[in-house]
Amino acid sequence: MKGDKIYIIESEIKKLVRLFLETNESDKELSLRTGISSSTVGRRLTNAEKIVELFDLDINRIPGIECPPDQSYGTYIYDLIRKRRKENILKGRSKGGKIGSEKVNLRRDEFGKFISDSTPLVDLSQLYQSEEKIYKFLAHATLTFRLTLPTLSELLGMTEDEVFSKLMEHKPELSAAFEYLFVYEMLPQRDPRSNFLRYYMQLLNAKKTRDPEEQKRLLALISDKDAKKIKDTRSTESGRRQKLDIGTIIRYQLKYAIKSVDIAHMFHIGYSVYAREVNLFLADKPDLRSRYDNIMASTDLIYFTPGGKR
């Protein structure tokens, strides 16, 4: 049974890699063409280890695609896929292809206040009156709730490349975290979308009812203040003797897709201690465990940090 599953996965990878490099289609378009779910398409095309392994075999070489003599064929194929998928993000062709073609719906009324229309986030401007603050909020909400570009496009009534450009304009230091979320992770969006909208409506209600304590509580859910406090505390010898808040640190790691060795160094924790604490914390949390394992398995993530690429 296990052998059959591996064979199916490898067959799908070989088929999808060839199709993608031939057509440059989005995950949704490849899904419609092959009958493979779009989330599976994304996972297959970002499985670096398996792609390198399969295409290093001469039998799987793709006609018309040659690689430099100083690079393995499998590595070259994976790098080519990664490059094209990243380019597609900038062109608004991510997981689901383009969604919507409306221009940015943020505009000012006669009193100079930002207003928007025709989107689920129609009252977004009631939270913040500056574009900078709006996109700072959206950046942290996107990384916390794991929203994809197609989802953001739908919610904001903007094209995917417009959303991506705005996020990069206002939070360029988070480019690496966005790259992992938009290009590599690509979680199914039913739960992230509904969880975010529920959160957003609670925050909007707290704003309308002038409940500053509830606003503060809700905004703390997407901020890094607790993680930064732990980091500052553990920078001292006495702070390192305090009980470790492993849950907050892991959530910070998952939000920004940081390797465990870097997180351990960042929070002044021995790597073996951190690895042990992570295993204990994630033992009964399969969804978080899967996200954590995907980060650890990605060969590209040695370059990812919360501040962008090193």
C-alpha atoms as a PDB file:
ATOM      1  CA  MET A   1       0.000   0.000   0.000  1.00  0.00           C
ATOM      2  CA  LYS A   2       2.761   2.427   0.944  1.00  0.00           C
ATOM      3  CA  GLY A   3       4.586   1.592  -2.276  1.00  0.00           C
ATOM      4  CA  ASP A   4       1.444   2.269  -4.309  1.00  0.00           C
ATOM      5  CA  LYS A   5       1.027   5.678  -2.660  1.00  0.00           C
ATOM      6  CA  ILE A   6       4.650   6.627  -3.376  1.00  0.00           C
ATOM      7  CA  TYR A   7       4.218   5.560  -7.011  1.00  0.00           C
ATOM      8  CA  ILE A   8       1.094   7.723  -7.354  1.00  0.00           C
ATOM      9  CA  ILE A   9       2.847  10.740  -5.827  1.00  0.00           C
ATOM     10  CA  GLU A  10       5.885  10.352  -8.073  1.00  0.00           C
ATOM     11  CA  SER A  11       3.695   9.910 -11.166  1.00  0.00           C
ATOM     12  CA  GLU A  12       1.743  13.069 -10.319  1.00  0.00           C
ATOM     13  CA  ILE A  13       4.940  15.034  -9.756  1.00  0.00           C
ATOM     14  CA  LYS A  14       6.431  13.994 -13.102  1.00  0.00           C
ATOM     15  CA  LYS A  15       3.184  14.766 -14.922  1.00  0.00           C
ATOM     16  CA  LEU A  16       2.631  18.149 -13.247  1.00  0.00           C
ATOM     17  CA  VAL A  17       6.235  19.297 -13.614  1.00  0.00           C
ATOM     18  CA  ARG A  18       6.165  18.638 -17.354  1.00  0.00           C
ATOM     19  CA  LEU A  19       2.770  20.321 -17.769  1.00  0.00           C
ATOM     20  CA  PHE A  20       3.731  23.357 -15.722  1.00  0.00           C
ATOM     21  CA  LEU A  21       6.996  23.937 -17.583  1.00  0.00           C
ATOM     22  CA  GLU A  22       5.171  23.499 -20.886  1.00  0.00           C
ATOM     23  CA  THR A  23       2.095  25.650 -20.163  1.00  0.00           C
ATOM     24  CA  ASN A  24       3.059  27.892 -17.190  1.00  0.00           C
ATOM     25  CA  GLU A  25      -0.524  27.473 -15.946  1.00  0.00           C
ATOM     26  CA  SER A  26      -1.735  28.268 -12.423  1.00  0.00           C
ATOM     27  CA  ASP A  27      -2.471  25.513  -9.913  1.00  0.00           C
ATOM     28  CA  LYS A  28      -6.203  25.897 -10.551  1.00  0.00           C
ATOM     29  CA  GLU A  29      -5.731  25.601 -14.307  1.00  0.00           C
ATOM     30  CA  LEU A  30      -3.514  22.531 -13.883  1.00  0.00           C
ATOM     31  CA  SER A  31      -6.146  21.071 -11.553  1.00  0.00           C
ATOM     32  CA  LEU A  32      -8.863  21.499 -14.180  1.00  0.00           C
ATOM     33  CA  ARG A  33      -6.604  19.936 -16.808  1.00  0.00           C
ATOM     34  CA  THR A  34      -5.543  16.903 -14.735  1.00  0.00           C
ATOM     35  CA  GLY A  35      -8.320  16.301 -12.202  1.00  0.00           C
ATOM     36  CA  ILE A  36      -5.817  16.652  -9.339  1.00  0.00           C
ATOM     37  CA  SER A  37      -6.958  19.069  -6.601  1.00  0.00           C
ATOM     38  CA  SER A  38      -5.319  22.509  -6.734  1.00  0.00           C
ATOM     39  CA  SER A  39      -3.924  22.124  -3.200  1.00  0.00           C
ATOM     40  CA  THR A  40      -2.284  18.828  -4.233  1.00  0.00           C
ATOM     41  CA  VAL A  41      -0.913  20.472  -7.382  1.00  0.00           C
ATOM     42  CA  GLY A  42       0.731  23.104  -5.182  1.00  0.00           C
ATOM     43  CA  ARG A  43       2.246  20.498  -2.874  1.00  0.00           C
ATOM     44  CA  ARG A  44       3.592  18.427  -5.767  1.00  0.00           C
ATOM     45  CA  LEU A  45       5.233  21.405  -7.484  1.00  0.00           C
ATOM     46  CA  THR A  46       6.928  22.548  -4.265  1.00  0.00           C
ATOM     47  CA  ASN A  47       8.213  19.126  -3.178  1.00  0.00           C
ATOM     48  CA  ALA A  48      11.873  20.037  -3.686  1.00  0.00           C
ATOM     49  CA  GLU A  49      13.357  16.784  -2.415  1.00  0.00           C
ATOM     50  CA  LYS A  50      11.220  14.532  -4.617  1.00  0.00           C
ATOM     51  CA  ILE A  51      11.529  16.725  -7.738  1.00  0.00           C
ATOM     52  CA  VAL A  52      15.327  16.733  -7.471  1.00  0.00           C
ATOM     53  CA  GLU A  53      15.386  12.987  -6.849  1.00  0.00           C
ATOM     54  CA  LEU A  54      13.126  12.143  -9.809  1.00  0.00           C
ATOM     55  CA  PHE A  55      14.599  14.483 -12.393  1.00  0.00           C
ATOM     56  CA  ASP A  56      18.185  13.627 -11.556  1.00  0.00           C
ATOM     57  CA  LEU A  57      17.396  10.338 -13.306  1.00  0.00           C
ATOM     58  CA  ASP A  58      18.257  10.427 -17.007  1.00  0.00           C
ATOM     59  CA  ILE A  59      15.011   8.641 -17.887  1.00  0.00           C
ATOM     60  CA  ASN A  60      12.987  11.640 -16.632  1.00  0.00           C
ATOM     61  CA  ARG A  61      14.835  14.371 -18.529  1.00  0.00           C
ATOM     62  CA  ILE A  62      12.534  16.799 -20.316  1.00  0.00           C
ATOM     63  CA  PRO A  63      13.207  17.294 -24.042  1.00  0.00           C
ATOM     64  CA  GLY A  64      14.246  20.845 -24.843  1.00  0.00           C
ATOM     65  CA  ILE A  65      15.332  21.745 -21.308  1.00  0.00           C
ATOM     66  CA  GLU A  66      19.090  21.654 -20.711  1.00  0.00           C
ATOM     67  CA  CYS A  67      20.897  22.674 -17.537  1.00  0.00           C
ATOM     68  CA  PRO A  68      24.343  24.166 -16.837  1.00  0.00           C
ATOM     69  CA  PRO A  69      27.133  21.568 -16.487  1.00  0.00           C
ATOM     70  CA  ASP A  70      27.873  22.629 -12.906  1.00  0.00           C
ATOM     71  CA  GLN A  71      24.325  21.895 -11.657  1.00  0.00           C
ATOM     72  CA  SER A  72      22.355  18.680 -11.271  1.00  0.00           C
ATOM     73  CA  TYR A  73      19.405  18.345 -13.639  1.00  0.00           C
ATOM     74  CA  GLY A  74      16.904  17.803 -10.836  1.00  0.00           C
ATOM     75  CA  THR A  75      18.067  20.894  -8.956  1.00  0.00           C
ATOM     76  CA  TYR A  76      17.893  22.947 -12.157  1.00  0.00           C
ATOM     77  CA  ILE A  77      14.311  21.797 -12.834  1.00  0.00           C
ATOM     78  CA  TYR A  78      13.212  22.655  -9.288  1.00  0.00           C
ATOM     79  CA  ASP A  79      14.895  26.078  -9.439  1.00  0.00           C
ATOM     80  CA  LEU A  80      13.181  26.732 -12.782  1.00  0.00           C
ATOM     81  CA  ILE A  81       9.765  25.844 -11.312  1.00  0.00           C
ATOM     82  CA  ARG A  82      10.389  28.017  -8.272  1.00  0.00           C
ATOM     83  CA  LYS A  83      11.470  30.967 -10.422  1.00  0.00           C
ATOM     84  CA  ARG A  84       8.438  30.744 -12.715  1.00  0.00           C
ATOM     85  CA  ARG A  85       5.965  30.355  -9.850  1.00  0.00           C
ATOM     86  CA  LYS A  86       7.451  33.419  -8.173  1.00  0.00           C
ATOM     87  CA  GLU A  87       7.140  35.378 -11.430  1.00  0.00           C
ATOM     88  CA  ASN A  88       3.518  34.270 -11.701  1.00  0.00           C
ATOM     89  CA  ILE A  89       2.828  35.717  -8.251  1.00  0.00           C
ATOM     90  CA  LEU A  90       3.989  39.117  -9.472  1.00  0.00           C
ATOM     91  CA  LYS A  91       1.783  38.759 -12.553  1.00  0.00           C
ATOM     92  CA  GLY A  92      -1.280  37.826 -10.482  1.00  0.00           C
ATOM     93  CA  ARG A  93      -1.274  34.149 -11.503  1.00  0.00           C
ATOM     94  CA  SER A  94      -0.932  32.289  -8.213  1.00  0.00           C
ATOM     95  CA  LYS A  95      -2.779  29.285  -6.872  1.00  0.00           C
ATOM     96  CA  GLY A  96      -6.172  30.122  -8.294  1.00  0.00           C
ATOM     97  CA  GLY A  97      -5.232  32.300 -11.252  1.00  0.00           C
ATOM     98  CA  LYS A  98      -6.557  35.865 -11.412  1.00  0.00           C
ATOM     99  CA  ILE A  99      -9.664  36.650  -9.418  1.00  0.00           C
ATOM    100  CA  GLY A 100     -11.389  39.907 -10.165  1.00  0.00           C
ATOM    101  CA  SER A 101     -10.130  42.812 -12.190  1.00  0.00           C
ATOM    102  CA  GLU A 102     -11.341  45.760 -10.148  1.00  0.00           C
ATOM    103  CA  LYS A 103      -8.946  48.568  -9.365  1.00  0.00           C
ATOM    104  CA  VAL A 104      -8.034  49.433  -5.793  1.00  0.00           C
ATOM    105  CA  ASN A 105     -11.244  50.312  -3.990  1.00  0.00           C
ATOM    106  CA  LEU A 106      -9.629  52.460  -1.321  1.00  0.00           C
ATOM    107  CA  ARG A 107     -10.487  56.125  -1.960  1.00  0.00           C
ATOM    108  CA  ARG A 108     -11.207  59.272   0.070  1.00  0.00           C
ATOM    109  CA  ASP A 109     -14.582  60.916   0.574  1.00  0.00           C
ATOM    110  CA  GLU A 110     -15.179  64.677   0.627  1.00  0.00           C
ATOM    111  CA  PHE A 111     -13.893  64.819   4.208  1.00  0.00           C
ATOM    112  CA  GLY A 112     -10.632  63.100   3.323  1.00  0.00           C
ATOM    113  CA  LYS A 113     -11.549  59.771   4.958  1.00  0.00           C
ATOM    114  CA  PHE A 114     -10.720  56.496   3.219  1.00  0.00           C
ATOM    115  CA  ILE A 115     -13.778  54.630   1.941  1.00  0.00           C
ATOM    116  CA  SER A 116     -14.198  51.453  -0.079  1.00  0.00           C
ATOM    117  CA  ASP A 117     -17.032  49.676  -1.821  1.00  0.00           C
ATOM    118  CA  SER A 118     -18.179  46.382  -3.367  1.00  0.00           C
ATOM    119  CA  THR A 119     -15.985  44.124  -1.208  1.00  0.00           C
ATOM    120  CA  PRO A 120     -16.478  41.969   1.926  1.00  0.00           C
ATOM    121  CA  LEU A 121     -14.069  44.359   3.692  1.00  0.00           C
ATOM    122  CA  VAL A 122     -16.190  47.382   2.846  1.00  0.00           C
ATOM    123  CA  ASP A 123     -15.700  48.891   6.327  1.00  0.00           C
ATOM    124  CA  LEU A 124     -11.948  48.374   6.469  1.00  0.00           C
ATOM    125  CA  SER A 125     -11.356  52.123   6.466  1.00  0.00           C
ATOM    126  CA  GLN A 126     -13.293  52.409   9.740  1.00  0.00           C
ATOM    127  CA  LEU A 127     -10.399  50.673  11.458  1.00  0.00           C
ATOM    128  CA  TYR A 128      -7.641  52.891  10.048  1.00  0.00           C
ATOM    129  CA  GLN A 129      -7.627  56.127   8.103  1.00  0.00           C
ATOM    130  CA  SER A 130      -4.187  55.820   6.493  1.00  0.00           C
ATOM    131  CA  GLU A 131      -3.288  53.390   3.726  1.00  0.00           C
ATOM    132  CA  GLU A 132      -0.043  52.555   5.520  1.00  0.00           C
ATOM    133  CA  LYS A 133      -1.867  51.402   8.664  1.00  0.00           C
ATOM    134  CA  ILE A 134      -4.460  49.505   6.631  1.00  0.00           C
ATOM    135  CA  TYR A 135      -1.808  47.444   4.869  1.00  0.00           C
ATOM    136  CA  LYS A 136       0.241  46.948   8.016  1.00  0.00           C
ATOM    137  CA  PHE A 137      -2.891  45.461   9.593  1.00  0.00           C
ATOM    138  CA  LEU A 138      -3.583  43.350   6.496  1.00  0.00           C
ATOM    139  CA  ALA A 139       0.021  42.120   6.394  1.00  0.00           C
ATOM    140  CA  HIS A 140      -0.054  40.763   9.941  1.00  0.00           C
ATOM    141  CA  ALA A 141      -3.600  39.406   9.548  1.00  0.00           C
ATOM    142  CA  THR A 142      -2.590  37.659   6.308  1.00  0.00           C
ATOM    143  CA  LEU A 143       0.412  35.955   7.918  1.00  0.00           C
ATOM    144  CA  THR A 144      -1.501  35.063  11.087  1.00  0.00           C
ATOM    145  CA  PHE A 145      -4.573  33.602   9.380  1.00  0.00           C
ATOM    146  CA  ARG A 146      -2.607  32.240   6.348  1.00  0.00           C
ATOM    147  CA  LEU A 147      -4.604  33.979   3.616  1.00  0.00           C
ATOM    148  CA  THR A 148      -3.559  33.416  -0.004  1.00  0.00           C
ATOM    149  CA  LEU A 149      -3.427  36.018  -2.755  1.00  0.00           C
ATOM    150  CA  PRO A 150      -6.658  34.777  -4.413  1.00  0.00           C
ATOM    151  CA  THR A 151      -8.447  35.109  -1.067  1.00  0.00           C
ATOM    152  CA  LEU A 152      -7.094  38.617  -0.483  1.00  0.00           C
ATOM    153  CA  SER A 153      -8.016  39.538  -4.046  1.00  0.00           C
ATOM    154  CA  GLU A 154     -11.599  38.476  -3.451  1.00  0.00           C
ATOM    155  CA  LEU A 155     -11.887  40.187  -0.069  1.00  0.00           C
ATOM    156  CA  LEU A 156     -10.384  43.478  -1.230  1.00  0.00           C
ATOM    157  CA  GLY A 157     -11.829  43.660  -4.741  1.00  0.00           C
ATOM    158  CA  MET A 158      -8.325  44.041  -6.180  1.00  0.00           C
ATOM    159  CA  THR A 159      -6.291  41.956  -8.592  1.00  0.00           C
ATOM    160  CA  GLU A 160      -3.681  39.686  -7.045  1.00  0.00           C
ATOM    161  CA  ASP A 161      -0.750  41.688  -8.377  1.00  0.00           C
ATOM    162  CA  GLU A 162      -2.270  44.884  -6.923  1.00  0.00           C
ATOM    163  CA  VAL A 163      -2.572  43.243  -3.498  1.00  0.00           C
ATOM    164  CA  PHE A 164       0.967  41.891  -3.671  1.00  0.00           C
ATOM    165  CA  SER A 165       2.370  45.255  -4.777  1.00  0.00           C
ATOM    166  CA  LYS A 166       0.626  47.067  -1.913  1.00  0.00           C
ATOM    167  CA  LEU A 167       1.902  44.596   0.670  1.00  0.00           C
ATOM    168  CA  MET A 168       5.438  44.942  -0.685  1.00  0.00           C
ATOM    169  CA  GLU A 169       5.132  48.723  -0.772  1.00  0.00           C
ATOM    170  CA  HIS A 170       4.159  48.979   2.887  1.00  0.00           C
ATOM    171  CA  LYS A 171       5.852  45.891   4.416  1.00  0.00           C
ATOM    172  CA  PRO A 172       8.863  45.037   2.224  1.00  0.00           C
ATOM    173  CA  GLU A 173      10.714  43.555   5.204  1.00  0.00           C
ATOM    174  CA  LEU A 174       8.170  40.699   5.210  1.00  0.00           C
ATOM    175  CA  SER A 175       8.831  39.677   1.598  1.00  0.00           C
ATOM    176  CA  ALA A 176      10.332  36.309   2.547  1.00  0.00           C
ATOM    177  CA  ALA A 177       7.412  35.404   4.822  1.00  0.00           C
ATOM    178  CA  PHE A 178       4.951  36.329   2.053  1.00  0.00           C
ATOM    179  CA  GLU A 179       6.930  34.332  -0.493  1.00  0.00           C
ATOM    180  CA  TYR A 180       6.666  31.205   1.651  1.00  0.00           C
ATOM    181  CA  LEU A 181       2.939  31.744   2.288  1.00  0.00           C
ATOM    182  CA  PHE A 182       1.965  32.600  -1.296  1.00  0.00           C
ATOM    183  CA  VAL A 183       4.300  30.296  -3.235  1.00  0.00           C
ATOM    184  CA  TYR A 184       5.088  27.328  -0.980  1.00  0.00           C
ATOM    185  CA  GLU A 185       2.477  26.772   1.712  1.00  0.00           C
ATOM    186  CA  MET A 186      -0.843  27.549  -0.018  1.00  0.00           C
ATOM    187  CA  LEU A 187      -3.221  26.087   2.576  1.00  0.00           C
ATOM    188  CA  PRO A 188      -6.850  25.334   1.627  1.00  0.00           C
ATOM    189  CA  GLN A 189      -8.698  28.583   2.287  1.00  0.00           C
ATOM    190  CA  ARG A 190     -12.088  27.638   3.723  1.00  0.00           C
ATOM    191  CA  ASP A 191     -10.997  27.804   7.374  1.00  0.00           C
ATOM    192  CA  PRO A 192      -8.440  30.661   7.080  1.00  0.00           C
ATOM    193  CA  ARG A 193     -10.988  32.817   5.228  1.00  0.00           C
ATOM    194  CA  SER A 194     -13.871  32.174   7.641  1.00  0.00           C
ATOM    195  CA  ASN A 195     -11.625  32.576  10.707  1.00  0.00           C
ATOM    196  CA  PHE A 196     -10.290  35.884   9.423  1.00  0.00           C
ATOM    197  CA  LEU A 197     -13.738  37.259   8.562  1.00  0.00           C
ATOM    198  CA  ARG A 198     -15.030  36.269  12.008  1.00  0.00           C
ATOM    199  CA  TYR A 199     -12.049  37.997  13.601  1.00  0.00           C
ATOM    200  CA  TYR A 200     -12.461  41.051  11.385  1.00  0.00           C
ATOM    201  CA  MET A 201     -16.139  41.479  12.246  1.00  0.00           C
ATOM    202  CA  GLN A 202     -15.339  41.214  15.972  1.00  0.00           C
ATOM    203  CA  LEU A 203     -12.641  43.865  15.601  1.00  0.00           C
ATOM    204  CA  LEU A 204     -14.918  46.126  13.587  1.00  0.00           C
ATOM    205  CA  ASN A 205     -17.680  45.757  16.164  1.00  0.00           C
ATOM    206  CA  ALA A 206     -15.249  46.651  18.971  1.00  0.00           C
ATOM    207  CA  LYS A 207     -14.270  49.744  17.028  1.00  0.00           C
ATOM    208  CA  LYS A 208     -17.891  50.787  16.398  1.00  0.00           C
ATOM    209  CA  THR A 209     -18.903  50.225  20.039  1.00  0.00           C
ATOM    210  CA  ARG A 210     -15.796  52.065  21.242  1.00  0.00           C
ATOM    211  CA  ASP A 211     -14.467  49.178  23.289  1.00  0.00           C
ATOM    212  CA  PRO A 212     -10.712  49.844  23.505  1.00  0.00           C
ATOM    213  CA  GLU A 213      -9.981  46.821  25.710  1.00  0.00           C
ATOM    214  CA  GLU A 214     -11.570  44.435  23.214  1.00  0.00           C
ATOM    215  CA  GLN A 215      -9.747  46.157  20.358  1.00  0.00           C
ATOM    216  CA  LYS A 216      -6.467  45.764  22.221  1.00  0.00           C
ATOM    217  CA  ARG A 217      -7.173  42.073  22.907  1.00  0.00           C
ATOM    218  CA  LEU A 218      -8.027  41.338  19.289  1.00  0.00           C
ATOM    219  CA  LEU A 219      -5.079  43.223  17.808  1.00  0.00           C
ATOM    220  CA  ALA A 220      -2.751  41.382  20.179  1.00  0.00           C
ATOM    221  CA  LEU A 221      -3.758  38.151  18.414  1.00  0.00           C
ATOM    222  CA  ILE A 222      -1.988  39.216  15.215  1.00  0.00           C
ATOM    223  CA  SER A 223       0.872  41.197  16.755  1.00  0.00           C
ATOM    224  CA  ASP A 224       4.338  39.969  17.776  1.00  0.00           C
ATOM    225  CA  LYS A 225       4.463  41.790  21.098  1.00  0.00           C
ATOM    226  CA  ASP A 226       4.394  38.642  23.239  1.00  0.00           C
ATOM    227  CA  ALA A 227       7.136  36.995  21.191  1.00  0.00           C
ATOM    228  CA  LYS A 228       9.299  40.123  21.308  1.00  0.00           C
ATOM    229  CA  LYS A 229       8.786  40.338  25.068  1.00  0.00           C
ATOM    230  CA  ILE A 230       9.999  36.750  25.472  1.00  0.00           C
ATOM    231  CA  LYS A 231      12.980  37.499  23.217  1.00  0.00           C
ATOM    232  CA  ASP A 232      13.948  40.536  25.278  1.00  0.00           C
ATOM    233  CA  THR A 233      13.475  38.698  28.582  1.00  0.00           C
ATOM    234  CA  ARG A 234      15.587  35.722  27.495  1.00  0.00           C
ATOM    235  CA  SER A 235      18.420  37.997  26.385  1.00  0.00           C
ATOM    236  CA  THR A 236      19.423  38.164  30.075  1.00  0.00           C
ATOM    237  CA  GLU A 237      20.765  35.304  32.200  1.00  0.00           C
ATOM    238  CA  SER A 238      17.950  35.580  34.757  1.00  0.00           C
ATOM    239  CA  GLY A 239      15.359  35.664  31.956  1.00  0.00           C
ATOM    240  CA  ARG A 240      16.675  32.406  30.503  1.00  0.00           C
ATOM    241  CA  ARG A 241      15.889  30.671  33.804  1.00  0.00           C
ATOM    242  CA  GLN A 242      12.192  31.538  33.532  1.00  0.00           C
ATOM    243  CA  LYS A 243       9.617  29.026  32.276  1.00  0.00           C
ATOM    244  CA  LEU A 244       9.559  28.816  28.485  1.00  0.00           C
ATOM    245  CA  ASP A 245       6.350  29.952  26.732  1.00  0.00           C
ATOM    246  CA  ILE A 246       6.811  27.488  23.873  1.00  0.00           C
ATOM    247  CA  GLY A 247       3.359  28.088  22.344  1.00  0.00           C
ATOM    248  CA  THR A 248       4.024  31.769  21.643  1.00  0.00           C
ATOM    249  CA  ILE A 249       7.436  30.989  20.147  1.00  0.00           C
ATOM    250  CA  ILE A 250       6.071  28.263  17.850  1.00  0.00           C
ATOM    251  CA  ARG A 251       3.267  30.536  16.632  1.00  0.00           C
ATOM    252  CA  TYR A 252       5.907  33.166  15.827  1.00  0.00           C
ATOM    253  CA  GLN A 253       7.959  30.554  13.963  1.00  0.00           C
ATOM    254  CA  LEU A 254       4.962  29.367  11.926  1.00  0.00           C
ATOM    255  CA  LYS A 255       3.856  32.912  11.124  1.00  0.00           C
ATOM    256  CA  TYR A 256       7.192  33.812   9.546  1.00  0.00           C
ATOM    257  CA  ALA A 257       8.301  30.313   8.424  1.00  0.00           C
ATOM    258  CA  ILE A 258      11.624  30.300  10.274  1.00  0.00           C
ATOM    259  CA  LYS A 259      13.895  27.286  10.688  1.00  0.00           C
ATOM    260  CA  SER A 260      14.071  25.895  14.233  1.00  0.00           C
ATOM    261  CA  VAL A 261      17.822  26.394  14.466  1.00  0.00           C
ATOM    262  CA  ASP A 262      17.317  30.118  13.804  1.00  0.00           C
ATOM    263  CA  ILE A 263      14.388  30.380  16.237  1.00  0.00           C
ATOM    264  CA  ALA A 264      16.431  28.677  18.961  1.00  0.00           C
ATOM    265  CA  HIS A 265      19.254  31.165  18.430  1.00  0.00           C
ATOM    266  CA  MET A 266      16.838  34.116  18.264  1.00  0.00           C
ATOM    267  CA  PHE A 267      15.229  33.238  21.608  1.00  0.00           C
ATOM    268  CA  HIS A 268      18.451  32.114  23.331  1.00  0.00           C
ATOM    269  CA  ILE A 269      17.391  28.453  23.621  1.00  0.00           C
ATOM    270  CA  GLY A 270      19.563  25.404  23.094  1.00  0.00           C
ATOM    271  CA  TYR A 271      18.531  23.736  19.833  1.00  0.00           C
ATOM    272  CA  SER A 272      18.073  20.284  21.392  1.00  0.00           C
ATOM    273  CA  VAL A 273      15.944  21.814  24.172  1.00  0.00           C
ATOM    274  CA  TYR A 274      13.787  23.656  21.650  1.00  0.00           C
ATOM    275  CA  ALA A 275      13.338  20.553  19.475  1.00  0.00           C
ATOM    276  CA  ARG A 276      12.226  18.544  22.520  1.00  0.00           C
ATOM    277  CA  GLU A 277       9.762  21.229  23.644  1.00  0.00           C
ATOM    278  CA  VAL A 278       8.320  21.525  20.130  1.00  0.00           C
ATOM    279  CA  ASN A 279       7.707  17.782  19.902  1.00  0.00           C
ATOM    280  CA  LEU A 280       5.907  17.805  23.252  1.00  0.00           C
ATOM    281  CA  PHE A 281       3.796  20.863  22.370  1.00  0.00           C
ATOM    282  CA  LEU A 282       2.783  19.600  18.909  1.00  0.00           C
ATOM    283  CA  ALA A 283       2.100  15.999  19.939  1.00  0.00           C
ATOM    284  CA  ASP A 284      -1.695  16.508  19.928  1.00  0.00           C
ATOM    285  CA  LYS A 285      -1.862  19.270  17.300  1.00  0.00           C
ATOM    286  CA  PRO A 286      -1.680  17.539  13.882  1.00  0.00           C
ATOM    287  CA  ASP A 287      -2.437  20.634  11.785  1.00  0.00           C
ATOM    288  CA  LEU A 288       0.304  22.694  13.422  1.00  0.00           C
ATOM    289  CA  ARG A 289       2.611  19.665  13.305  1.00  0.00           C
ATOM    290  CA  SER A 290       2.120  19.410   9.553  1.00  0.00           C
ATOM    291  CA  ARG A 291       2.884  23.109   9.038  1.00  0.00           C
ATOM    292  CA  TYR A 292       5.962  22.838  11.246  1.00  0.00           C
ATOM    293  CA  ASP A 293       7.243  19.747   9.400  1.00  0.00           C
ATOM    294  CA  ASN A 294       6.763  21.460   6.034  1.00  0.00           C
ATOM    295  CA  ILE A 295       8.908  24.374   7.179  1.00  0.00           C
ATOM    296  CA  MET A 296      11.619  22.056   8.431  1.00  0.00           C
ATOM    297  CA  ALA A 297      11.547  20.040   5.189  1.00  0.00           C
ATOM    298  CA  SER A 298      11.954  23.013   2.875  1.00  0.00           C
ATOM    299  CA  THR A 299      15.506  23.285   1.599  1.00  0.00           C
ATOM    300  CA  ASP A 300      14.934  26.926   0.651  1.00  0.00           C
ATOM    301  CA  LEU A 301      14.067  28.166   4.117  1.00  0.00           C
ATOM    302  CA  ILE A 302      17.630  28.690   5.228  1.00  0.00           C
ATOM    303  CA  TYR A 303      17.107  32.100   3.653  1.00  0.00           C
ATOM    304  CA  PHE A 304      13.853  33.017   5.385  1.00  0.00           C
ATOM    305  CA  THR A 305      13.741  35.324   8.403  1.00  0.00           C
ATOM    306  CA  PRO A 306      11.049  37.736   9.623  1.00  0.00           C
ATOM    307  CA  GLY A 307      13.051  40.640   8.241  1.00  0.00           C
ATOM    308  CA  GLY A 308      13.242  39.226   4.730  1.00  0.00           C
ATOM    309  CA  LYS A 309      16.208  37.436   3.218  1.00  0.00           C
ATOM    310  CA  ARG A 310      19.533  37.570   4.989  1.00  0.00           C
END
